[in-house]
PDB file of N, CA and C in Angstrom:
ATOM      1  N   MET A   1       0.873  -1.174  -0.095  1.00  0.00           N
ATOM      2  CA  MET A   1      -0.083  -0.051  -0.034  1.00  0.00           C
ATOM      3  C   MET A   1       0.826   1.198   0.099  1.00  0.00           C
ATOM      4  N   SER A   2       1.802   1.123   0.752  1.00  0.00           N
ATOM      5  CA  SER A   2       2.910   2.374   0.890  1.00  0.00           C
ATOM      6  C   SER A   2       3.488   2.704  -0.433  1.00  0.00           C
ATOM      7  N   TYR A   3       3.897   1.519  -1.216  1.00  0.00           N
ATOM      8  CA  TYR A   3       4.510   1.859  -2.513  1.00  0.00           C
ATOM      9  C   TYR A   3       3.511   2.331  -3.425  1.00  0.00           C
ATOM     10  N   LEU A   4       2.257   1.873  -3.562  1.00  0.00           N
ATOM     11  CA  LEU A   4       1.297   2.557  -4.420  1.00  0.00           C
ATOM     12  C   LEU A   4       1.131   4.046  -4.055  1.00  0.00           C
ATOM     13  N   LEU A   5       1.067   4.386  -2.813  1.00  0.00           N
ATOM     14  CA  LEU A   5       0.859   5.661  -2.581  1.00  0.00           C
ATOM     15  C   LEU A   5       2.125   6.532  -2.936  1.00  0.00           C
ATOM     16  N   TRP A   6       3.290   6.247  -2.833  1.00  0.00           N
ATOM     17  CA  TRP A   6       4.418   6.724  -3.236  1.00  0.00           C
ATOM     18  C   TRP A   6       4.495   6.924  -4.727  1.00  0.00           C
ATOM     19  N   CYS A   7       3.943   5.991  -5.342  1.00  0.00           N
ATOM     20  CA  CYS A   7       3.951   6.091  -7.027  1.00  0.00           C
ATOM     21  C   CYS A   7       2.883   7.191  -7.517  1.00  0.00           C
ATOM     22  N   VAL A   8       1.899   7.164  -6.714  1.00  0.00           N
ATOM     23  CA  VAL A   8       0.855   8.145  -6.955  1.00  0.00           C
ATOM     24  C   VAL A   8       1.291   9.596  -6.551  1.00  0.00           C
ATOM     25  N   ALA A   9       1.961   9.798  -5.614  1.00  0.00           N
ATOM     26  CA  ALA A   9       2.483  10.907  -5.232  1.00  0.00           C
ATOM     27  C   ALA A   9       3.396  11.498  -6.056  1.00  0.00           C
ATOM     28  N   LEU A  10       4.412  10.482  -6.604  1.00  0.00           N
ATOM     29  CA  LEU A  10       5.464  10.894  -7.489  1.00  0.00           C
ATOM     30  C   LEU A  10       4.727  11.232  -8.816  1.00  0.00           C
ATOM     31  N   ALA A  11       3.951  10.580  -9.356  1.00  0.00           N
ATOM     32  CA  ALA A  11       3.328  10.955 -10.611  1.00  0.00           C
ATOM     33  C   ALA A  11       2.504  12.429 -10.579  1.00  0.00           C
ATOM     34  N   TYR A  12       1.987  12.554  -9.361  1.00  0.00           N
ATOM     35  CA  TYR A  12       1.176  13.807  -9.095  1.00  0.00           C
ATOM     36  C   TYR A  12       2.205  15.071  -9.229  1.00  0.00           C
ATOM     37  N   VAL A  13       3.456  14.954  -8.453  1.00  0.00           N
ATOM     38  CA  VAL A  13       4.400  16.024  -8.424  1.00  0.00           C
ATOM     39  C   VAL A  13       4.933  16.095  -9.554  1.00  0.00           C
ATOM     40  N   GLY A  14       5.225  15.030 -10.448  1.00  0.00           N
ATOM     41  CA  GLY A  14       5.999  15.061 -11.684  1.00  0.00           C
ATOM     42  C   GLY A  14       5.023  15.740 -12.689  1.00  0.00           C
ATOM     43  N   LEU A  15       3.795  15.377 -12.778  1.00  0.00           N
ATOM     44  CA  LEU A  15       2.903  16.062 -13.647  1.00  0.00           C
ATOM     45  C   LEU A  15       2.612  17.371 -13.525  1.00  0.00           C
ATOM     46  N   ASN A  16       2.533  17.720 -12.097  1.00  0.00           N
ATOM     47  CA  ASN A  16       2.392  19.207 -11.958  1.00  0.00           C
ATOM     48  C   ASN A  16       3.543  20.232 -12.183  1.00  0.00           C
ATOM     49  N   LEU A  17       4.685  19.636 -11.960  1.00  0.00           N
ATOM     50  CA  LEU A  17       6.058  20.316 -12.136  1.00  0.00           C
ATOM     51  C   LEU A  17       6.055  20.707 -13.743  1.00  0.00           C
ATOM     52  N   TRP A  18       5.582  19.469 -14.458  1.00  0.00           N
ATOM     53  CA  TRP A  18       5.677  19.561 -15.919  1.00  0.00           C
ATOM     54  C   TRP A  18       4.820  20.621 -16.443  1.00  0.00           C
ATOM     55  N   VAL A  19       3.437  20.563 -15.779  1.00  0.00           N
ATOM     56  CA  VAL A  19       2.583  21.445 -16.411  1.00  0.00           C
ATOM     57  C   VAL A  19       2.880  22.998 -15.982  1.00  0.00           C
ATOM     58  N   THR A  20       3.582  23.168 -14.690  1.00  0.00           N
ATOM     59  CA  THR A  20       3.993  24.368 -14.233  1.00  0.00           C
ATOM     60  C   THR A  20       4.930  25.074 -15.225  1.00  0.00           C
ATOM     61  N   ARG A  21       5.780  24.074 -15.591  1.00  0.00           N
ATOM     62  CA  ARG A  21       6.840  24.694 -16.658  1.00  0.00           C
ATOM     63  C   ARG A  21       6.150  25.048 -17.975  1.00  0.00           C
ATOM     64  N   LYS A  22       5.182  24.231 -18.225  1.00  0.00           N
ATOM     65  CA  LYS A  22       4.275  24.594 -19.513  1.00  0.00           C
ATOM     66  C   LYS A  22       3.694  25.967 -19.439  1.00  0.00           C
ATOM     67  N   ILE A  23       3.262  26.239 -18.322  1.00  0.00           N
ATOM     68  CA  ILE A  23       2.332  27.534 -17.907  1.00  0.00           C
ATOM     69  C   ILE A  23       3.510  28.574 -17.979  1.00  0.00           C
ATOM     70  N   ASN A  24       4.567  28.484 -17.476  1.00  0.00           N
ATOM     71  CA  ASN A  24       5.704  29.591 -17.556  1.00  0.00           C
ATOM     72  C   ASN A  24       6.203  29.907 -18.858  1.00  0.00           C
ATOM     73  N   LYS A  25       6.069  28.935 -19.676  1.00  0.00           N
ATOM     74  CA  LYS A  25       6.623  29.007 -21.134  1.00  0.00           C
ATOM     75  C   LYS A  25       5.465  29.768 -22.188  1.00  0.00           C
ATOM     76  N   ALA A  26       4.256  29.502 -21.634  1.00  0.00           N
ATOM     77  CA  ALA A  26       3.113  29.897 -22.438  1.00  0.00           C
ATOM     78  C   ALA A  26       3.000  31.316 -22.562  1.00  0.00           C
ATOM     79  N   ARG A  27       2.346  31.666 -23.553  1.00  0.00           N
ATOM     80  CA  ARG A  27       1.951  33.254 -23.806  1.00  0.00           C
ATOM     81  C   ARG A  27       0.621  33.578 -23.065  1.00  0.00           C
ATOM     82  N   TYR A  28       0.474  34.285 -22.207  1.00  0.00           N
ATOM     83  CA  TYR A  28      -0.767  34.631 -21.605  1.00  0.00           C
ATOM     84  C   TYR A  28      -1.075  36.137 -21.824  1.00  0.00           C
ATOM     85  N   LEU A  29      -2.166  36.470 -22.088  1.00  0.00           N
ATOM     86  CA  LEU A  29      -2.490  37.884 -21.985  1.00  0.00           C
ATOM     87  C   LEU A  29      -2.605  38.627 -20.651  1.00  0.00           C
ATOM     88  N   GLU A  30      -2.906  37.814 -19.785  1.00  0.00           N
ATOM     89  CA  GLU A  30      -3.061  38.458 -18.420  1.00  0.00           C
ATOM     90  C   GLU A  30      -2.394  37.528 -17.379  1.00  0.00           C
ATOM     91  N   GLU A  31      -1.343  38.454 -16.780  1.00  0.00           N
ATOM     92  CA  GLU A  31      -0.594  37.557 -15.758  1.00  0.00           C
ATOM     93  C   GLU A  31      -1.318  37.051 -14.550  1.00  0.00           C
ATOM     94  N   ASP A  32      -2.403  37.580 -14.292  1.00  0.00           N
ATOM     95  CA  ASP A  32      -3.306  37.054 -13.183  1.00  0.00           C
ATOM     96  C   ASP A  32      -3.873  35.811 -13.604  1.00  0.00           C
ATOM     97  N   ARG A  33      -4.215  35.354 -14.947  1.00  0.00           N
ATOM     98  CA  ARG A  33      -4.568  34.200 -15.379  1.00  0.00           C
ATOM     99  C   ARG A  33      -3.452  33.201 -15.305  1.00  0.00           C
ATOM    100  N   ARG A  34      -2.315  33.483 -15.291  1.00  0.00           N
ATOM    101  CA  ARG A  34      -1.064  32.592 -15.221  1.00  0.00           C
ATOM    102  C   ARG A  34      -1.079  31.985 -13.862  1.00  0.00           C
ATOM    103  N   LYS A  35      -1.141  33.021 -12.841  1.00  0.00           N
ATOM    104  CA  LYS A  35      -0.976  32.861 -11.459  1.00  0.00           C
ATOM    105  C   LYS A  35      -2.122  31.942 -11.134  1.00  0.00           C
ATOM    106  N   THR A  36      -3.468  32.450 -11.509  1.00  0.00           N
ATOM    107  CA  THR A  36      -4.492  31.430 -11.123  1.00  0.00           C
ATOM    108  C   THR A  36      -4.265  29.884 -11.683  1.00  0.00           C
ATOM    109  N   HIS A  37      -3.904  29.724 -12.754  1.00  0.00           N
ATOM    110  CA  HIS A  37      -3.536  28.414 -13.435  1.00  0.00           C
ATOM    111  C   HIS A  37      -2.568  27.526 -12.595  1.00  0.00           C
ATOM    112  N   ARG A  38      -1.600  28.235 -12.160  1.00  0.00           N
ATOM    113  CA  ARG A  38      -0.579  27.605 -11.309  1.00  0.00           C
ATOM    114  C   ARG A  38      -1.177  27.044 -10.022  1.00  0.00           C
ATOM    115  N   ILE A  39      -2.181  27.902  -9.259  1.00  0.00           N
ATOM    116  CA  ILE A  39      -2.740  27.549  -8.009  1.00  0.00           C
ATOM    117  C   ILE A  39      -3.732  26.413  -8.505  1.00  0.00           C
ATOM    118  N   PHE A  40      -4.460  26.423  -9.430  1.00  0.00           N
ATOM    119  CA  PHE A  40      -5.411  25.577 -10.133  1.00  0.00           C
ATOM    120  C   PHE A  40      -4.888  24.105 -10.163  1.00  0.00           C
ATOM    121  N   ILE A  41      -3.817  24.018 -10.808  1.00  0.00           N
ATOM    122  CA  ILE A  41      -3.198  22.617 -11.007  1.00  0.00           C
ATOM    123  C   ILE A  41      -2.647  21.909  -9.666  1.00  0.00           C
ATOM    124  N   TRP A  42      -2.276  22.888  -8.932  1.00  0.00           N
ATOM    125  CA  TRP A  42      -1.846  22.136  -7.519  1.00  0.00           C
ATOM    126  C   TRP A  42      -3.043  21.835  -6.662  1.00  0.00           C
ATOM    127  N   LEU A  43      -4.063  22.462  -6.761  1.00  0.00           N
ATOM    128  CA  LEU A  43      -5.346  22.271  -5.974  1.00  0.00           C
ATOM    129  C   LEU A  43      -6.102  21.087  -6.325  1.00  0.00           C
ATOM    130  N   LEU A  44      -6.250  20.759  -7.745  1.00  0.00           N
ATOM    131  CA  LEU A  44      -6.941  19.770  -8.313  1.00  0.00           C
ATOM    132  C   LEU A  44      -5.970  18.617  -8.739  1.00  0.00           C
ATOM    133  N   PRO A  45      -5.899  17.712  -7.944  1.00  0.00           N
ATOM    134  CA  PRO A  45      -5.044  16.741  -8.524  1.00  0.00           C
ATOM    135  C   PRO A  45      -5.444  15.956  -9.797  1.00  0.00           C
ATOM    136  N   PHE A  46      -4.459  15.984 -10.797  1.00  0.00           N
ATOM    137  CA  PHE A  46      -4.691  15.265 -11.930  1.00  0.00           C
ATOM    138  C   PHE A  46      -5.721  15.805 -12.870  1.00  0.00           C
ATOM    139  N   LEU A  47      -6.745  16.543 -12.436  1.00  0.00           N
ATOM    140  CA  LEU A  47      -7.826  17.047 -13.102  1.00  0.00           C
ATOM    141  C   LEU A  47      -7.480  18.437 -13.625  1.00  0.00           C
ATOM    142  N   GLY A  48      -6.907  19.301 -12.661  1.00  0.00           N
ATOM    143  CA  GLY A  48      -6.416  20.673 -13.003  1.00  0.00           C
ATOM    144  C   GLY A  48      -5.655  20.788 -14.357  1.00  0.00           C
ATOM    145  N   PRO A  49      -4.510  20.108 -14.464  1.00  0.00           N
ATOM    146  CA  PRO A  49      -3.771  19.948 -15.734  1.00  0.00           C
ATOM    147  C   PRO A  49      -4.515  19.821 -16.950  1.00  0.00           C
ATOM    148  N   LEU A  50      -5.400  18.758 -16.595  1.00  0.00           N
ATOM    149  CA  LEU A  50      -6.277  18.616 -18.011  1.00  0.00           C
ATOM    150  C   LEU A  50      -7.129  19.788 -18.311  1.00  0.00           C
ATOM    151  N   LEU A  51      -7.674  20.172 -17.310  1.00  0.00           N
ATOM    152  CA  LEU A  51      -8.720  21.344 -17.636  1.00  0.00           C
ATOM    153  C   LEU A  51      -8.147  22.665 -18.338  1.00  0.00           C
ATOM    154  N   ILE A  52      -6.810  22.884 -17.817  1.00  0.00           N
ATOM    155  CA  ILE A  52      -6.164  24.243 -18.327  1.00  0.00           C
ATOM    156  C   ILE A  52      -5.493  23.998 -19.603  1.00  0.00           C
ATOM    157  N   ARG A  53      -5.317  22.742 -19.889  1.00  0.00           N
ATOM    158  CA  ARG A  53      -4.380  22.470 -21.310  1.00  0.00           C
ATOM    159  C   ARG A  53      -4.830  23.241 -22.404  1.00  0.00           C
ATOM    160  N   ARG A  54      -6.156  23.626 -22.419  1.00  0.00           N
ATOM    161  CA  ARG A  54      -6.589  24.432 -23.643  1.00  0.00           C
ATOM    162  C   ARG A  54      -6.143  25.796 -23.735  1.00  0.00           C
ATOM    163  N   PHE A  55      -5.909  26.341 -22.545  1.00  0.00           N
ATOM    164  CA  PHE A  55      -5.221  27.744 -22.499  1.00  0.00           C
ATOM    165  C   PHE A  55      -4.011  27.975 -22.868  1.00  0.00           C
ATOM    166  N   TRP A  56      -3.021  26.672 -23.153  1.00  0.00           N
ATOM    167  CA  TRP A  56      -1.673  26.749 -23.451  1.00  0.00           C
ATOM    168  C   TRP A  56      -1.605  27.393 -24.975  1.00  0.00           C
ATOM    169  N   LYS A  57      -0.914  28.436 -25.181  1.00  0.00           N
ATOM    170  CA  LYS A  57      -0.583  28.958 -26.487  1.00  0.00           C
ATOM    171  C   LYS A  57       1.090  28.913 -26.415  1.00  0.00           C
ATOM    172  N   THR A  58       1.693  28.408 -27.536  1.00  0.00           N
ATOM    173  CA  THR A  58       3.007  28.514 -27.719  1.00  0.00           C
ATOM    174  C   THR A  58       3.476  29.923 -28.241  1.00  0.00           C
ATOM    175  N   PRO A  59       4.426  30.317 -27.711  1.00  0.00           N
ATOM    176  CA  PRO A  59       5.042  31.616 -28.082  1.00  0.00           C
ATOM    177  C   PRO A  59       5.105  31.672 -29.449  1.00  0.00           C
ATOM    178  N   THR A  60       4.921  32.754 -30.212  1.00  0.00           N
ATOM    179  CA  THR A  60       5.078  32.917 -31.740  1.00  0.00           C
ATOM    180  C   THR A  60       6.656  33.248 -31.836  1.00  0.00           C
ATOM    181  N   SER A  61       6.978  32.826 -32.825  1.00  0.00           N
ATOM    182  CA  SER A  61       8.463  32.874 -33.327  1.00  0.00           C
ATOM    183  C   SER A  61       8.411  34.009 -34.316  1.00  0.00           C
ATOM    184  N   GLY A  62       9.349  34.834 -34.173  1.00  0.00           N
ATOM    185  CA  GLY A  62       9.600  36.024 -34.976  1.00  0.00           C
ATOM    186  C   GLY A  62       8.636  37.283 -34.760  1.00  0.00           C
ATOM    187  N   LYS A  63       8.337  38.096 -35.700  1.00  0.00           N
ATOM    188  CA  LYS A  63       7.550  39.438 -35.518  1.00  0.00           C
ATOM    189  C   LYS A  63       6.248  38.949 -35.944  1.00  0.00           C
ATOM    190  N   LEU A  64       5.168  39.447 -35.236  1.00  0.00           N
ATOM    191  CA  LEU A  64       3.781  39.425 -35.568  1.00  0.00           C
ATOM    192  C   LEU A  64       3.517  40.380 -36.912  1.00  0.00           C
ATOM    193  N   GLU A  65       2.744  40.037 -37.808  1.00  0.00           N
ATOM    194  CA  GLU A  65       2.458  41.061 -38.952  1.00  0.00           C
ATOM    195  C   GLU A  65       1.057  41.297 -38.824  1.00  0.00           C
ATOM    196  N   ILE A  66       0.689  42.629 -39.113  1.00  0.00           N
ATOM    197  CA  ILE A  66      -0.597  43.218 -39.193  1.00  0.00           C
ATOM    198  C   ILE A  66      -1.051  43.250 -40.522  1.00  0.00           C
ATOM    199  N   MET A  67      -2.305  42.697 -40.975  1.00  0.00           N
ATOM    200  CA  MET A  67      -2.663  42.695 -42.076  1.00  0.00           C
ATOM    201  C   MET A  67      -3.881  43.449 -42.148  1.00  0.00           C
ATOM    202  N   THR A  68      -3.937  44.579 -43.023  1.00  0.00           N
ATOM    203  CA  THR A  68      -5.013  45.452 -43.275  1.00  0.00           C
ATOM    204  C   THR A  68      -5.797  44.827 -44.373  1.00  0.00           C
ATOM    205  N   LYS A  69      -7.119  45.632 -44.684  1.00  0.00           N
ATOM    206  CA  LYS A  69      -7.961  45.208 -45.648  1.00  0.00           C
ATOM    207  C   LYS A  69      -7.177  45.207 -47.005  1.00  0.00           C
ATOM    208  N   SER A  70      -6.504  46.258 -47.132  1.00  0.00           N
ATOM    209  CA  SER A  70      -5.813  46.593 -48.647  1.00  0.00           C
ATOM    210  C   SER A  70      -4.604  45.515 -48.719  1.00  0.00           C
ATOM    211  N   ASP A  71      -4.276  44.970 -47.673  1.00  0.00           N
ATOM    212  CA  ASP A  71      -3.088  43.954 -47.738  1.00  0.00           C
ATOM    213  C   ASP A  71      -3.655  42.488 -48.093  1.00  0.00           C
ATOM    214  N   ARG A  72      -4.870  42.316 -48.105  1.00  0.00           N
ATOM    215  CA  ARG A  72      -5.496  41.051 -48.251  1.00  0.00           C
ATOM    216  C   ARG A  72      -5.261  40.481 -49.790  1.00  0.00           C
ATOM    217  N   LYS A  73      -4.878  39.154 -49.860  1.00  0.00           N
ATOM    218  CA  LYS A  73      -4.583  38.612 -51.061  1.00  0.00           C
ATOM    219  C   LYS A  73      -6.124  38.128 -51.564  1.00  0.00           C
ATOM    220  N   LYS A  74      -6.844  37.494 -50.919  1.00  0.00           N
ATOM    221  CA  LYS A  74      -8.072  37.323 -51.343  1.00  0.00           C
ATOM    222  C   LYS A  74      -9.256  38.257 -50.882  1.00  0.00           C
ATOM    223  N   ARG A  75      -9.856  38.703 -52.001  1.00  0.00           N
ATOM    224  CA  ARG A  75     -10.954  39.765 -51.607  1.00  0.00           C
ATOM    225  C   ARG A  75     -12.189  38.963 -51.159  1.00  0.00           C
ATOM    226  N   SER A  76     -12.949  39.601 -50.366  1.00  0.00           N
ATOM    227  CA  SER A  76     -14.321  38.879 -49.970  1.00  0.00           C
ATOM    228  C   SER A  76     -15.204  39.325 -51.223  1.00  0.00           C
ATOM    229  N   GLY A  77     -15.995  38.424 -51.622  1.00  0.00           N
ATOM    230  CA  GLY A  77     -17.038  38.614 -52.764  1.00  0.00           C
ATOM    231  C   GLY A  77     -18.272  39.400 -52.255  1.00  0.00           C
ATOM    232  N   GLY A  78     -18.695  39.452 -50.989  1.00  0.00           N
ATOM    233  CA  GLY A  78     -20.003  40.103 -50.491  1.00  0.00           C
ATOM    234  C   GLY A  78     -19.645  41.543 -50.266  1.00  0.00           C
ATOM    235  N   ASN A  79     -20.808  42.149 -49.899  1.00  0.00           N
ATOM    236  CA  ASN A  79     -20.782  43.764 -49.767  1.00  0.00           C
ATOM    237  C   ASN A  79     -20.666  43.989 -48.241  1.00  0.00           C
ATOM    238  N   THR A  80     -20.095  42.977 -47.386  1.00  0.00           N
ATOM    239  CA  THR A  80     -19.866  43.380 -46.094  1.00  0.00           C
ATOM    240  C   THR A  80     -18.942  44.397 -45.717  1.00  0.00           C
ATOM    241  N   ASP A  81     -17.977  44.758 -46.568  1.00  0.00           N
ATOM    242  CA  ASP A  81     -17.041  45.803 -46.581  1.00  0.00           C
ATOM    243  C   ASP A  81     -17.612  47.121 -46.979  1.00  0.00           C
ATOM    244  N   ASN A  82     -18.661  47.213 -47.542  1.00  0.00           N
ATOM    245  CA  ASN A  82     -19.288  48.423 -48.086  1.00  0.00           C
ATOM    246  C   ASN A  82     -20.258  48.985 -47.029  1.00  0.00           C
ATOM    247  N   TRP A  83     -19.742  49.762 -46.252  1.00  0.00           N
ATOM    248  CA  TRP A  83     -20.588  50.327 -45.175  1.00  0.00           C
ATOM    249  C   TRP A  83     -21.633  51.439 -45.724  1.00  0.00           C
ATOM    250  N   GLN A  84     -21.240  52.069 -46.892  1.00  0.00           N
ATOM    251  CA  GLN A  84     -22.140  53.143 -47.305  1.00  0.00           C
ATOM    252  C   GLN A  84     -23.486  52.361 -47.860  1.00  0.00           C
ATOM    253  N   GLY A  85     -23.283  51.134 -48.522  1.00  0.00           N
ATOM    254  CA  GLY A  85     -24.107  50.500 -49.299  1.00  0.00           C
ATOM    255  C   GLY A  85     -25.168  49.948 -48.147  1.00  0.00           C
ATOM    256  N   LEU A  86     -24.702  49.368 -47.179  1.00  0.00           N
ATOM    257  CA  LEU A  86     -25.365  48.857 -45.914  1.00  0.00           C
ATOM    258  C   LEU A  86     -26.148  49.866 -45.071  1.00  0.00           C
ATOM    259  N   THR A  87     -25.569  51.033 -44.931  1.00  0.00           N
ATOM    260  CA  THR A  87     -26.311  51.948 -44.019  1.00  0.00           C
ATOM    261  C   THR A  87     -26.915  53.249 -44.813  1.00  0.00           C
ATOM    262  N   GLY A  88     -27.085  53.130 -45.997  1.00  0.00           N
ATOM    263  CA  GLY A  88     -27.681  54.162 -46.967  1.00  0.00           C
ATOM    264  C   GLY A  88     -26.754  55.466 -46.897  1.00  0.00           C
ATOM    265  N   ASN A  89     -25.609  55.123 -47.412  1.00  0.00           N
ATOM    266  CA  ASN A  89     -24.693  56.394 -47.326  1.00  0.00           C
ATOM    267  C   ASN A  89     -24.424  57.071 -45.938  1.00  0.00           C
ATOM    268  N   GLY A  90     -24.547  56.152 -44.873  1.00  0.00           N
ATOM    269  CA  GLY A  90     -24.240  56.879 -43.613  1.00  0.00           C
ATOM    270  C   GLY A  90     -25.479  57.459 -43.026  1.00  0.00           C
ATOM    271  N   GLY A  91     -26.526  57.617 -43.795  1.00  0.00           N
ATOM    272  CA  GLY A  91     -27.508  58.698 -43.166  1.00  0.00           C
ATOM    273  C   GLY A  91     -28.793  58.018 -42.831  1.00  0.00           C
TER     274      GLY A  91
END
């Protein structure tokens, strides 16, 4: 019984340390969310890491590029970009 308990405890600590490392490397928009996730994984054994896995985002490599409407290669075929036609010339 003692051996099984030690194995479960080792698996719990190992998984949580691995997930904590992933959280530290991930890109978060809010630092408070990162802190909450760190607490969450230690309070909910084995379930916490599975629940927050969808929040992990890998850091982007290189510089992000902003694409404006005029930079698009594929033009939309609808009139959704034509605000004057949709609103009656704005009036």
